[in-house]
Amino acid sequence: MSDITPAKVALEARDIARAATSKIEAHEDLCATRYANIEKQLARFEGIFKWAGTTLFVLIVGMLGWSLKQQISANDAMREALAARVELIERLSARESAERPAPDQQQQQPATQPSAPAPR
């Protein structure tokens, strides 16, 4: 007869199943460790991205604020320059008005005869 008996087959199958179960459990432990490391790295990256996003937001808001301040300063300088020009024009206009006789005084002055042309 043969050396293979149902009891031997059952024992060998049991040993193979135990070895496979042991390998599967070791693999699951290794995968659990790997997944834990991946989750730690993802959490670290999440923190980095939050910091970068916040920093970028603050930078953009700061740049917009600075740009607005520069625009306001430029507008103030332009307004002051235009106000100075208006004041100068008003002073010149007032001086010209003071030097020019009033319209009713111009009518009272006798008209002068135009001089004869100079001989050639």
PDB file of N, CA and C in Angstrom:
ATOM      1  N   MET A   1       0.800  -1.172   0.000  1.00  0.00           N
ATOM      2  CA  MET A   1       0.000   0.000   0.000  1.00  0.00           C
ATOM      3  C   MET A   1       0.852   1.247   0.000  1.00  0.00           C
ATOM      4  N   SER A   2       0.163   2.347  -0.104  1.00  0.00           N
ATOM      5  CA  SER A   2       0.923   3.576  -0.220  1.00  0.00           C
ATOM      6  C   SER A   2       1.076   4.211   1.153  1.00  0.00           C
ATOM      7  N   ASP A   3       2.098   5.098   1.263  1.00  0.00           N
ATOM      8  CA  ASP A   3       2.376   5.782   2.535  1.00  0.00           C
ATOM      9  C   ASP A   3       1.415   6.942   2.774  1.00  0.00           C
ATOM     10  N   ILE A   4       0.611   7.263   1.822  1.00  0.00           N
ATOM     11  CA  ILE A   4      -0.292   8.400   1.963  1.00  0.00           C
ATOM     12  C   ILE A   4      -1.579   7.901   2.596  1.00  0.00           C
ATOM     13  N   THR A   5      -1.807   8.495   3.752  1.00  0.00           N
ATOM     14  CA  THR A   5      -3.043   8.158   4.445  1.00  0.00           C
ATOM     15  C   THR A   5      -3.846   9.429   4.621  1.00  0.00           C
ATOM     16  N   PRO A   6      -5.119   9.299   4.799  1.00  0.00           N
ATOM     17  CA  PRO A   6      -5.931  10.495   4.993  1.00  0.00           C
ATOM     18  C   PRO A   6      -5.469  11.303   6.211  1.00  0.00           C
ATOM     19  N   ALA A   7      -4.996  10.701   7.231  1.00  0.00           N
ATOM     20  CA  ALA A   7      -4.546  11.420   8.416  1.00  0.00           C
ATOM     21  C   ALA A   7      -3.303  12.242   8.093  1.00  0.00           C
ATOM     22  N   LYS A   8      -2.369  11.643   7.307  1.00  0.00           N
ATOM     23  CA  LYS A   8      -1.162  12.369   6.928  1.00  0.00           C
ATOM     24  C   LYS A   8      -1.511  13.563   6.032  1.00  0.00           C
ATOM     25  N   VAL A   9      -2.428  13.371   5.107  1.00  0.00           N
ATOM     26  CA  VAL A   9      -2.849  14.457   4.221  1.00  0.00           C
ATOM     27  C   VAL A   9      -3.478  15.579   5.049  1.00  0.00           C
ATOM     28  N   ALA A  10      -4.307  15.207   6.014  1.00  0.00           N
ATOM     29  CA  ALA A  10      -4.962  16.204   6.857  1.00  0.00           C
ATOM     30  C   ALA A  10      -3.932  16.976   7.675  1.00  0.00           C
ATOM     31  N   LEU A  11      -2.932  16.269   8.230  1.00  0.00           N
ATOM     32  CA  LEU A  11      -1.895  16.932   9.019  1.00  0.00           C
ATOM     33  C   LEU A  11      -1.057  17.871   8.140  1.00  0.00           C
ATOM     34  N   GLU A  12      -0.710  17.389   6.963  1.00  0.00           N
ATOM     35  CA  GLU A  12       0.090  18.212   6.054  1.00  0.00           C
ATOM     36  C   GLU A  12      -0.711  19.441   5.604  1.00  0.00           C
ATOM     37  N   ALA A  13      -1.991  19.293   5.338  1.00  0.00           N
ATOM     38  CA  ALA A  13      -2.844  20.412   4.941  1.00  0.00           C
ATOM     39  C   ALA A  13      -2.966  21.413   6.088  1.00  0.00           C
ATOM     40  N   ARG A  14      -3.084  20.867   7.319  1.00  0.00           N
ATOM     41  CA  ARG A  14      -3.162  21.740   8.487  1.00  0.00           C
ATOM     42  C   ARG A  14      -1.877  22.563   8.630  1.00  0.00           C
ATOM     43  N   ASP A  15      -0.712  21.942   8.450  1.00  0.00           N
ATOM     44  CA  ASP A  15       0.578  22.627   8.567  1.00  0.00           C
ATOM     45  C   ASP A  15       0.725  23.705   7.474  1.00  0.00           C
ATOM     46  N   ILE A  16       0.293  23.363   6.266  1.00  0.00           N
ATOM     47  CA  ILE A  16       0.357  24.325   5.168  1.00  0.00           C
ATOM     48  C   ILE A  16      -0.564  25.517   5.470  1.00  0.00           C
ATOM     49  N   ALA A  17      -1.748  25.267   5.985  1.00  0.00           N
ATOM     50  CA  ALA A  17      -2.701  26.324   6.317  1.00  0.00           C
ATOM     51  C   ALA A  17      -2.151  27.212   7.427  1.00  0.00           C
ATOM     52  N   ARG A  18      -1.524  26.578   8.448  1.00  0.00           N
ATOM     53  CA  ARG A  18      -0.931  27.364   9.536  1.00  0.00           C
ATOM     54  C   ARG A  18       0.212  28.242   9.016  1.00  0.00           C
ATOM     55  N   ALA A  19       1.045  27.712   8.141  1.00  0.00           N
ATOM     56  CA  ALA A  19       2.161  28.480   7.580  1.00  0.00           C
ATOM     57  C   ALA A  19       1.621  29.644   6.741  1.00  0.00           C
ATOM     58  N   ALA A  20       0.595  29.372   5.966  1.00  0.00           N
ATOM     59  CA  ALA A  20      -0.002  30.428   5.150  1.00  0.00           C
ATOM     60  C   ALA A  20      -0.632  31.498   6.038  1.00  0.00           C
ATOM     61  N   THR A  21      -1.324  31.076   7.081  1.00  0.00           N
ATOM     62  CA  THR A  21      -1.939  32.024   8.018  1.00  0.00           C
ATOM     63  C   THR A  21      -0.869  32.867   8.692  1.00  0.00           C
ATOM     64  N   SER A  22       0.222  32.246   9.076  1.00  0.00           N
ATOM     65  CA  SER A  22       1.331  32.960   9.711  1.00  0.00           C
ATOM     66  C   SER A  22       1.926  33.998   8.749  1.00  0.00           C
ATOM     67  N   LYS A  23       2.110  33.598   7.489  1.00  0.00           N
ATOM     68  CA  LYS A  23       2.639  34.537   6.499  1.00  0.00           C
ATOM     69  C   LYS A  23       1.672  35.702   6.271  1.00  0.00           C
ATOM     70  N   ILE A  24       0.387  35.384   6.217  1.00  0.00           N
ATOM     71  CA  ILE A  24      -0.616  36.427   6.001  1.00  0.00           C
ATOM     72  C   ILE A  24      -0.623  37.405   7.177  1.00  0.00           C
ATOM     73  N   GLU A  25      -0.544  36.870   8.397  1.00  0.00           N
ATOM     74  CA  GLU A  25      -0.538  37.739   9.578  1.00  0.00           C
ATOM     75  C   GLU A  25       0.714  38.627   9.601  1.00  0.00           C
ATOM     76  N   ALA A  26       1.863  38.062   9.224  1.00  0.00           N
ATOM     77  CA  ALA A  26       3.098  38.861   9.159  1.00  0.00           C
ATOM     78  C   ALA A  26       2.964  39.947   8.097  1.00  0.00           C
ATOM     79  N   HIS A  27       2.366  39.609   6.969  1.00  0.00           N
ATOM     80  CA  HIS A  27       2.149  40.580   5.902  1.00  0.00           C
ATOM     81  C   HIS A  27       1.204  41.686   6.373  1.00  0.00           C
ATOM     82  N   GLU A  28       0.144  41.315   7.082  1.00  0.00           N
ATOM     83  CA  GLU A  28      -0.799  42.313   7.596  1.00  0.00           C
ATOM     84  C   GLU A  28      -0.111  43.250   8.576  1.00  0.00           C
ATOM     85  N   ASP A  29       0.748  42.716   9.434  1.00  0.00           N
ATOM     86  CA  ASP A  29       1.488  43.553  10.388  1.00  0.00           C
ATOM     87  C   ASP A  29       2.408  44.528   9.652  1.00  0.00           C
ATOM     88  N   LEU A  30       3.099  44.014   8.641  1.00  0.00           N
ATOM     89  CA  LEU A  30       3.987  44.867   7.845  1.00  0.00           C
ATOM     90  C   LEU A  30       3.191  45.962   7.144  1.00  0.00           C
ATOM     91  N   CYS A  31       2.061  45.607   6.565  1.00  0.00           N
ATOM     92  CA  CYS A  31       1.215  46.597   5.889  1.00  0.00           C
ATOM     93  C   CYS A  31       0.670  47.620   6.877  1.00  0.00           C
ATOM     94  N   ALA A  32       0.285  47.177   8.069  1.00  0.00           N
ATOM     95  CA  ALA A  32      -0.217  48.110   9.081  1.00  0.00           C
ATOM     96  C   ALA A  32       0.868  49.116   9.451  1.00  0.00           C
ATOM     97  N   THR A  33       2.122  48.654   9.590  1.00  0.00           N
ATOM     98  CA  THR A  33       3.235  49.548   9.901  1.00  0.00           C
ATOM     99  C   THR A  33       3.456  50.528   8.749  1.00  0.00           C
ATOM    100  N   ARG A  34       3.422  50.021   7.524  1.00  0.00           N
ATOM    101  CA  ARG A  34       3.602  50.899   6.365  1.00  0.00           C
ATOM    102  C   ARG A  34       2.499  51.943   6.272  1.00  0.00           C
ATOM    103  N   TYR A  35       1.264  51.520   6.466  1.00  0.00           N
ATOM    104  CA  TYR A  35       0.146  52.464   6.408  1.00  0.00           C
ATOM    105  C   TYR A  35       0.247  53.515   7.514  1.00  0.00           C
ATOM    106  N   ALA A  36       0.694  53.105   8.691  1.00  0.00           N
ATOM    107  CA  ALA A  36       0.879  54.068   9.790  1.00  0.00           C
ATOM    108  C   ALA A  36       1.930  55.107   9.401  1.00  0.00           C
ATOM    109  N   ASN A  37       3.029  54.666   8.786  1.00  0.00           N
ATOM    110  CA  ASN A  37       4.062  55.606   8.337  1.00  0.00           C
ATOM    111  C   ASN A  37       3.533  56.534   7.245  1.00  0.00           C
ATOM    112  N   ILE A  38       2.750  55.970   6.324  1.00  0.00           N
ATOM    113  CA  ILE A  38       2.161  56.795   5.259  1.00  0.00           C
ATOM    114  C   ILE A  38       1.227  57.847   5.858  1.00  0.00           C
ATOM    115  N   GLU A  39       0.421  57.447   6.832  1.00  0.00           N
ATOM    116  CA  GLU A  39      -0.492  58.401   7.466  1.00  0.00           C
ATOM    117  C   GLU A  39       0.274  59.505   8.188  1.00  0.00           C
ATOM    118  N   LYS A  40       1.398  59.154   8.828  1.00  0.00           N
ATOM    119  CA  LYS A  40       2.218  60.169   9.501  1.00  0.00           C
ATOM    120  C   LYS A  40       2.778  61.159   8.476  1.00  0.00           C
ATOM    121  N   GLN A  41       3.265  60.637   7.359  1.00  0.00           N
ATOM    122  CA  GLN A  41       3.818  61.515   6.327  1.00  0.00           C
ATOM    123  C   GLN A  41       2.732  62.406   5.726  1.00  0.00           C
ATOM    124  N   LEU A  42       1.555  61.830   5.501  1.00  0.00           N
ATOM    125  CA  LEU A  42       0.452  62.633   4.965  1.00  0.00           C
ATOM    126  C   LEU A  42       0.049  63.733   5.944  1.00  0.00           C
ATOM    127  N   ALA A  43       0.028  63.405   7.219  1.00  0.00           N
ATOM    128  CA  ALA A  43      -0.301  64.414   8.230  1.00  0.00           C
ATOM    129  C   ALA A  43       0.762  65.515   8.238  1.00  0.00           C
ATOM    130  N   ARG A  44       2.022  65.144   8.083  1.00  0.00           N
ATOM    131  CA  ARG A  44       3.099  66.132   8.033  1.00  0.00           C
ATOM    132  C   ARG A  44       2.938  67.015   6.792  1.00  0.00           C
ATOM    133  N   PHE A  45       2.665  66.395   5.644  1.00  0.00           N
ATOM    134  CA  PHE A  45       2.462  67.173   4.419  1.00  0.00           C
ATOM    135  C   PHE A  45       1.244  68.087   4.547  1.00  0.00           C
ATOM    136  N   GLU A  46       0.211  67.593   5.188  1.00  0.00           N
ATOM    137  CA  GLU A  46      -0.983  68.409   5.396  1.00  0.00           C
ATOM    138  C   GLU A  46      -0.623  69.651   6.213  1.00  0.00           C
ATOM    139  N   GLY A  47       0.184  69.465   7.243  1.00  0.00           N
ATOM    140  CA  GLY A  47       0.629  70.606   8.041  1.00  0.00           C
ATOM    141  C   GLY A  47       1.457  71.580   7.219  1.00  0.00           C
ATOM    142  N   ILE A  48       2.331  71.043   6.385  1.00  0.00           N
ATOM    143  CA  ILE A  48       3.164  71.902   5.530  1.00  0.00           C
ATOM    144  C   ILE A  48       2.283  72.685   4.558  1.00  0.00           C
ATOM    145  N   PHE A  49       1.317  72.017   3.947  1.00  0.00           N
ATOM    146  CA  PHE A  49       0.437  72.695   2.992  1.00  0.00           C
ATOM    147  C   PHE A  49      -0.436  73.745   3.678  1.00  0.00           C
ATOM    148  N   LYS A  50      -0.898  73.465   4.896  1.00  0.00           N
ATOM    149  CA  LYS A  50      -1.672  74.460   5.637  1.00  0.00           C
ATOM    150  C   LYS A  50      -0.807  75.684   5.916  1.00  0.00           C
ATOM    151  N   TRP A  51       0.433  75.455   6.353  1.00  0.00           N
ATOM    152  CA  TRP A  51       1.346  76.559   6.635  1.00  0.00           C
ATOM    153  C   TRP A  51       1.615  77.358   5.362  1.00  0.00           C
ATOM    154  N   ALA A  52       1.888  76.644   4.262  1.00  0.00           N
ATOM    155  CA  ALA A  52       2.186  77.314   2.991  1.00  0.00           C
ATOM    156  C   ALA A  52       0.970  78.112   2.508  1.00  0.00           C
ATOM    157  N   GLY A  53      -0.207  77.535   2.634  1.00  0.00           N
ATOM    158  CA  GLY A  53      -1.415  78.239   2.211  1.00  0.00           C
ATOM    159  C   GLY A  53      -1.663  79.488   3.047  1.00  0.00           C
ATOM    160  N   THR A  54      -1.491  79.367   4.350  1.00  0.00           N
ATOM    161  CA  THR A  54      -1.671  80.516   5.228  1.00  0.00           C
ATOM    162  C   THR A  54      -0.638  81.590   4.923  1.00  0.00           C
ATOM    163  N   THR A  55       0.613  81.167   4.733  1.00  0.00           N
ATOM    164  CA  THR A  55       1.674  82.120   4.417  1.00  0.00           C
ATOM    165  C   THR A  55       1.397  82.817   3.097  1.00  0.00           C
ATOM    166  N   LEU A  56       0.975  82.070   2.104  1.00  0.00           N
ATOM    167  CA  LEU A  56       0.662  82.649   0.799  1.00  0.00           C
ATOM    168  C   LEU A  56      -0.499  83.637   0.914  1.00  0.00           C
ATOM    169  N   PHE A  57      -1.512  83.290   1.669  1.00  0.00           N
ATOM    170  CA  PHE A  57      -2.653  84.178   1.873  1.00  0.00           C
ATOM    171  C   PHE A  57      -2.212  85.476   2.537  1.00  0.00           C
ATOM    172  N   VAL A  58      -1.415  85.359   3.594  1.00  0.00           N
ATOM    173  CA  VAL A  58      -0.936  86.551   4.297  1.00  0.00           C
ATOM    174  C   VAL A  58      -0.064  87.395   3.372  1.00  0.00           C
ATOM    175  N   LEU A  59       0.762  86.739   2.580  1.00  0.00           N
ATOM    176  CA  LEU A  59       1.613  87.460   1.635  1.00  0.00           C
ATOM    177  C   LEU A  59       0.776  88.234   0.619  1.00  0.00           C
ATOM    178  N   ILE A  60      -0.222  87.591   0.065  1.00  0.00           N
ATOM    179  CA  ILE A  60      -1.075  88.241  -0.936  1.00  0.00           C
ATOM    180  C   ILE A  60      -1.819  89.418  -0.318  1.00  0.00           C
ATOM    181  N   VAL A  61      -2.378  89.220   0.873  1.00  0.00           N
ATOM    182  CA  VAL A  61      -3.096  90.310   1.535  1.00  0.00           C
ATOM    183  C   VAL A  61      -2.130  91.450   1.850  1.00  0.00           C
ATOM    184  N   GLY A  62      -0.927  91.115   2.298  1.00  0.00           N
ATOM    185  CA  GLY A  62       0.073  92.145   2.581  1.00  0.00           C
ATOM    186  C   GLY A  62       0.464  92.916   1.334  1.00  0.00           C
ATOM    187  N   MET A  63       0.651  92.206   0.240  1.00  0.00           N
ATOM    188  CA  MET A  63       1.016  92.870  -1.017  1.00  0.00           C
ATOM    189  C   MET A  63      -0.119  93.765  -1.504  1.00  0.00           C
ATOM    190  N   LEU A  64      -1.342  93.306  -1.363  1.00  0.00           N
ATOM    191  CA  LEU A  64      -2.478  94.139  -1.761  1.00  0.00           C
ATOM    192  C   LEU A  64      -2.560  95.386  -0.889  1.00  0.00           C
ATOM    193  N   GLY A  65      -2.330  95.219   0.403  1.00  0.00           N
ATOM    194  CA  GLY A  65      -2.334  96.367   1.314  1.00  0.00           C
ATOM    195  C   GLY A  65      -1.241  97.360   0.971  1.00  0.00           C
ATOM    196  N   TRP A  66      -0.045  96.849   0.706  1.00  0.00           N
ATOM    197  CA  TRP A  66       1.071  97.718   0.343  1.00  0.00           C
ATOM    198  C   TRP A  66       0.773  98.451  -0.965  1.00  0.00           C
ATOM    199  N   SER A  67       0.236  97.723  -1.927  1.00  0.00           N
ATOM    200  CA  SER A  67      -0.098  98.328  -3.218  1.00  0.00           C
ATOM    201  C   SER A  67      -1.155  99.420  -3.044  1.00  0.00           C
ATOM    202  N   LEU A  68      -2.137  99.153  -2.217  1.00  0.00           N
ATOM    203  CA  LEU A  68      -3.180 100.149  -1.956  1.00  0.00           C
ATOM    204  C   LEU A  68      -2.580 101.391  -1.293  1.00  0.00           C
ATOM    205  N   LYS A  69      -1.675 101.193  -0.348  1.00  0.00           N
ATOM    206  CA  LYS A  69      -1.021 102.323   0.323  1.00  0.00           C
ATOM    207  C   LYS A  69      -0.211 103.138  -0.685  1.00  0.00           C
ATOM    208  N   GLN A  70       0.495 102.462  -1.582  1.00  0.00           N
ATOM    209  CA  GLN A  70       1.268 103.171  -2.603  1.00  0.00           C
ATOM    210  C   GLN A  70       0.351 103.981  -3.514  1.00  0.00           C
ATOM    211  N   GLN A  71      -0.772 103.406  -3.878  1.00  0.00           N
ATOM    212  CA  GLN A  71      -1.722 104.105  -4.746  1.00  0.00           C
ATOM    213  C   GLN A  71      -2.298 105.319  -4.040  1.00  0.00           C
ATOM    214  N   ILE A  72      -2.639 105.170  -2.779  1.00  0.00           N
ATOM    215  CA  ILE A  72      -3.185 106.291  -2.011  1.00  0.00           C
ATOM    216  C   ILE A  72      -2.136 107.395  -1.882  1.00  0.00           C
ATOM    217  N   SER A  73      -0.894 107.008  -1.607  1.00  0.00           N
ATOM    218  CA  SER A  73       0.179 108.004  -1.493  1.00  0.00           C
ATOM    219  C   SER A  73       0.388 108.734  -2.818  1.00  0.00           C
ATOM    220  N   ALA A  74       0.364 107.988  -3.918  1.00  0.00           N
ATOM    221  CA  ALA A  74       0.526 108.612  -5.236  1.00  0.00           C
ATOM    222  C   ALA A  74      -0.638 109.552  -5.526  1.00  0.00           C
ATOM    223  N   ASN A  75      -1.842 109.147  -5.168  1.00  0.00           N
ATOM    224  CA  ASN A  75      -3.011 110.007  -5.383  1.00  0.00           C
ATOM    225  C   ASN A  75      -2.915 111.274  -4.537  1.00  0.00           C
ATOM    226  N   ASP A  76      -2.446 111.140  -3.286  1.00  0.00           N
ATOM    227  CA  ASP A  76      -2.282 112.309  -2.432  1.00  0.00           C
ATOM    228  C   ASP A  76      -1.249 113.262  -3.019  1.00  0.00           C
ATOM    229  N   ALA A  77      -0.140 112.716  -3.492  1.00  0.00           N
ATOM    230  CA  ALA A  77       0.905 113.558  -4.083  1.00  0.00           C
ATOM    231  C   ALA A  77       0.381 114.265  -5.333  1.00  0.00           C
ATOM    232  N   MET A  78      -0.376 113.548  -6.149  1.00  0.00           N
ATOM    233  CA  MET A  78      -0.933 114.140  -7.361  1.00  0.00           C
ATOM    234  C   MET A  78      -1.950 115.222  -7.005  1.00  0.00           C
ATOM    235  N   ARG A  79      -2.752 114.965  -5.990  1.00  0.00           N
ATOM    236  CA  ARG A  79      -3.743 115.945  -5.559  1.00  0.00           C
ATOM    237  C   ARG A  79      -3.055 117.213  -5.053  1.00  0.00           C
ATOM    238  N   GLU A  80      -1.984 117.047  -4.280  1.00  0.00           N
ATOM    239  CA  GLU A  80      -1.242 118.210  -3.777  1.00  0.00           C
ATOM    240  C   GLU A  80      -0.613 118.988  -4.932  1.00  0.00           C
ATOM    241  N   ALA A  81      -0.063 118.279  -5.907  1.00  0.00           N
ATOM    242  CA  ALA A  81       0.546 118.959  -7.055  1.00  0.00           C
ATOM    243  C   ALA A  81      -0.518 119.711  -7.842  1.00  0.00           C
ATOM    244  N   LEU A  82      -1.665 119.105  -8.053  1.00  0.00           N
ATOM    245  CA  LEU A  82      -2.745 119.778  -8.780  1.00  0.00           C
ATOM    246  C   LEU A  82      -3.279 120.961  -7.984  1.00  0.00           C
ATOM    247  N   ALA A  83      -3.372 120.822  -6.660  1.00  0.00           N
ATOM    248  CA  ALA A  83      -3.834 121.938  -5.828  1.00  0.00           C
ATOM    249  C   ALA A  83      -2.851 123.101  -5.923  1.00  0.00           C
ATOM    250  N   ALA A  84      -1.554 122.807  -5.958  1.00  0.00           N
ATOM    251  CA  ALA A  84      -0.542 123.864  -6.098  1.00  0.00           C
ATOM    252  C   ALA A  84      -0.678 124.546  -7.458  1.00  0.00           C
ATOM    253  N   ARG A  85      -0.936 123.775  -8.502  1.00  0.00           N
ATOM    254  CA  ARG A  85      -1.119 124.366  -9.833  1.00  0.00           C
ATOM    255  C   ARG A  85      -2.359 125.256  -9.873  1.00  0.00           C
ATOM    256  N   VAL A  86      -3.447 124.790  -9.281  1.00  0.00           N
ATOM    257  CA  VAL A  86      -4.681 125.577  -9.251  1.00  0.00           C
ATOM    258  C   VAL A  86      -4.435 126.878  -8.498  1.00  0.00           C
ATOM    259  N   GLU A  87      -3.723 126.795  -7.371  1.00  0.00           N
ATOM    260  CA  GLU A  87      -3.429 127.995  -6.590  1.00  0.00           C
ATOM    261  C   GLU A  87      -2.580 128.975  -7.406  1.00  0.00           C
ATOM    262  N   LEU A  88      -1.595 128.465  -8.139  1.00  0.00           N
ATOM    263  CA  LEU A  88      -0.753 129.315  -8.976  1.00  0.00           C
ATOM    264  C   LEU A  88      -1.578 129.987 -10.073  1.00  0.00           C
ATOM    265  N   ILE A  89      -2.443 129.214 -10.709  1.00  0.00           N
ATOM    266  CA  ILE A  89      -3.303 129.768 -11.766  1.00  0.00           C
ATOM    267  C   ILE A  89      -4.225 130.830 -11.187  1.00  0.00           C
ATOM    268  N   GLU A  90      -4.774 130.603 -10.004  1.00  0.00           N
ATOM    269  CA  GLU A  90      -5.657 131.578  -9.377  1.00  0.00           C
ATOM    270  C   GLU A  90      -4.900 132.865  -9.054  1.00  0.00           C
ATOM    271  N   ARG A  91      -3.652 132.726  -8.538  1.00  0.00           N
ATOM    272  CA  ARG A  91      -2.851 133.911  -8.235  1.00  0.00           C
ATOM    273  C   ARG A  91      -2.526 134.696  -9.508  1.00  0.00           C
ATOM    274  N   LEU A  92      -2.133 133.974 -10.574  1.00  0.00           N
ATOM    275  CA  LEU A  92      -1.825 134.648 -11.836  1.00  0.00           C
ATOM    276  C   LEU A  92      -3.063 135.336 -12.406  1.00  0.00           C
ATOM    277  N   SER A  93      -4.178 134.673 -12.310  1.00  0.00           N
ATOM    278  CA  SER A  93      -5.433 135.248 -12.811  1.00  0.00           C
ATOM    279  C   SER A  93      -5.795 136.490 -12.006  1.00  0.00           C
ATOM    280  N   ALA A  94      -5.620 136.433 -10.708  1.00  0.00           N
ATOM    281  CA  ALA A  94      -5.926 137.593  -9.858  1.00  0.00           C
ATOM    282  C   ALA A  94      -4.984 138.740 -10.183  1.00  0.00           C
ATOM    283  N   ARG A  95      -3.714 138.473 -10.412  1.00  0.00           N
ATOM    284  CA  ARG A  95      -2.737 139.517 -10.753  1.00  0.00           C
ATOM    285  C   ARG A  95      -3.099 140.155 -12.089  1.00  0.00           C
ATOM    286  N   GLU A  96      -3.464 139.327 -13.077  1.00  0.00           N
ATOM    287  CA  GLU A  96      -3.847 139.863 -14.381  1.00  0.00           C
ATOM    288  C   GLU A  96      -5.111 140.702 -14.270  1.00  0.00           C
ATOM    289  N   SER A  97      -6.037 140.266 -13.432  1.00  0.00           N
ATOM    290  CA  SER A  97      -7.279 141.027 -13.243  1.00  0.00           C
ATOM    291  C   SER A  97      -6.983 142.362 -12.591  1.00  0.00           C
ATOM    292  N   ALA A  98      -6.041 142.387 -11.660  1.00  0.00           N
ATOM    293  CA  ALA A  98      -5.698 143.636 -10.981  1.00  0.00           C
ATOM    294  C   ALA A  98      -4.983 144.581 -11.932  1.00  0.00           C
ATOM    295  N   GLU A  99      -4.186 144.079 -12.832  1.00  0.00           N
ATOM    296  CA  GLU A  99      -3.440 144.920 -13.772  1.00  0.00           C
ATOM    297  C   GLU A  99      -4.320 145.432 -14.915  1.00  0.00           C
ATOM    298  N   ARG A 100      -5.303 144.695 -15.309  1.00  0.00           N
ATOM    299  CA  ARG A 100      -6.172 145.060 -16.418  1.00  0.00           C
ATOM    300  C   ARG A 100      -7.239 146.025 -15.907  1.00  0.00           C
ATOM    301  N   PRO A 101      -7.503 147.125 -16.633  1.00  0.00           N
ATOM    302  CA  PRO A 101      -8.547 148.051 -16.181  1.00  0.00           C
ATOM    303  C   PRO A 101      -9.914 147.409 -16.337  1.00  0.00           C
ATOM    304  N   ALA A 102     -10.810 147.870 -15.548  1.00  0.00           N
ATOM    305  CA  ALA A 102     -12.177 147.348 -15.594  1.00  0.00           C
ATOM    306  C   ALA A 102     -12.793 147.697 -16.935  1.00  0.00           C
ATOM    307  N   PRO A 103     -13.759 146.937 -17.431  1.00  0.00           N
ATOM    308  CA  PRO A 103     -14.368 147.205 -18.734  1.00  0.00           C
ATOM    309  C   PRO A 103     -14.975 148.603 -18.829  1.00  0.00           C
ATOM    310  N   ASP A 104     -15.598 149.127 -17.768  1.00  0.00           N
ATOM    311  CA  ASP A 104     -16.193 150.460 -17.831  1.00  0.00           C
ATOM    312  C   ASP A 104     -15.112 151.538 -17.903  1.00  0.00           C
ATOM    313  N   GLN A 105     -13.918 151.302 -17.371  1.00  0.00           N
ATOM    314  CA  GLN A 105     -12.811 152.248 -17.480  1.00  0.00           C
ATOM    315  C   GLN A 105     -12.248 152.252 -18.896  1.00  0.00           C
ATOM    316  N   GLN A 106     -12.282 151.143 -19.581  1.00  0.00           N
ATOM    317  CA  GLN A 106     -11.776 151.086 -20.949  1.00  0.00           C
ATOM    318  C   GLN A 106     -12.632 151.934 -21.883  1.00  0.00           C
ATOM    319  N   GLN A 107     -13.930 152.008 -21.664  1.00  0.00           N
ATOM    320  CA  GLN A 107     -14.818 152.772 -22.522  1.00  0.00           C
ATOM    321  C   GLN A 107     -14.637 154.275 -22.316  1.00  0.00           C
ATOM    322  N   GLN A 108     -14.255 154.702 -21.114  1.00  0.00           N
ATOM    323  CA  GLN A 108     -14.114 156.112 -20.821  1.00  0.00           C
ATOM    324  C   GLN A 108     -12.820 156.695 -21.394  1.00  0.00           C
ATOM    325  N   GLN A 109     -11.806 155.929 -21.614  1.00  0.00           N
ATOM    326  CA  GLN A 109     -10.549 156.427 -22.137  1.00  0.00           C
ATOM    327  C   GLN A 109     -10.733 156.776 -23.611  1.00  0.00           C
ATOM    328  N   PRO A 110     -10.169 157.925 -24.035  1.00  0.00           N
ATOM    329  CA  PRO A 110     -10.314 158.297 -25.446  1.00  0.00           C
ATOM    330  C   PRO A 110      -9.509 157.346 -26.314  1.00  0.00           C
ATOM    331  N   ALA A 111     -10.042 157.108 -27.449  1.00  0.00           N
ATOM    332  CA  ALA A 111      -9.359 156.227 -28.382  1.00  0.00           C
ATOM    333  C   ALA A 111      -8.176 156.973 -28.968  1.00  0.00           C
ATOM    334  N   THR A 112      -7.087 156.357 -29.076  1.00  0.00           N
ATOM    335  CA  THR A 112      -5.903 156.980 -29.639  1.00  0.00           C
ATOM    336  C   THR A 112      -5.863 156.720 -31.128  1.00  0.00           C
ATOM    337  N   GLN A 113      -5.352 157.722 -31.835  1.00  0.00           N
ATOM    338  CA  GLN A 113      -5.229 157.576 -33.274  1.00  0.00           C
ATOM    339  C   GLN A 113      -4.066 156.656 -33.570  1.00  0.00           C
ATOM    340  N   PRO A 114      -4.265 155.757 -34.504  1.00  0.00           N
ATOM    341  CA  PRO A 114      -3.124 154.937 -34.820  1.00  0.00           C
ATOM    342  C   PRO A 114      -2.051 155.779 -35.478  1.00  0.00           C
ATOM    343  N   SER A 115      -0.850 155.542 -35.131  1.00  0.00           N
ATOM    344  CA  SER A 115       0.260 156.324 -35.689  1.00  0.00           C
ATOM    345  C   SER A 115       0.461 155.958 -37.147  1.00  0.00           C
ATOM    346  N   ALA A 116       1.015 156.933 -37.860  1.00  0.00           N
ATOM    347  CA  ALA A 116       1.262 156.705 -39.279  1.00  0.00           C
ATOM    348  C   ALA A 116       2.386 155.698 -39.413  1.00  0.00           C
ATOM    349  N   PRO A 117       2.340 154.964 -40.493  1.00  0.00           N
ATOM    350  CA  PRO A 117       3.398 153.979 -40.650  1.00  0.00           C
ATOM    351  C   PRO A 117       4.737 154.675 -40.854  1.00  0.00           C
ATOM    352  N   ALA A 118       5.747 154.049 -40.372  1.00  0.00           N
ATOM    353  CA  ALA A 118       7.104 154.598 -40.472  1.00  0.00           C
ATOM    354  C   ALA A 118       7.558 154.583 -41.916  1.00  0.00           C
ATOM    355  N   PRO A 119       8.278 155.667 -42.361  1.00  0.00           N
ATOM    356  CA  PRO A 119       8.759 155.693 -43.743  1.00  0.00           C
ATOM    357  C   PRO A 119       9.748 154.568 -43.971  1.00  0.00           C
ATOM    358  N   ARG A 120       9.789 154.209 -45.203  1.00  0.00           N
ATOM    359  CA  ARG A 120      10.674 153.104 -45.527  1.00  0.00           C
ATOM    360  C   ARG A 120      11.965 153.552 -46.051  1.00  0.00           C
TER     361      ARG A 120
END
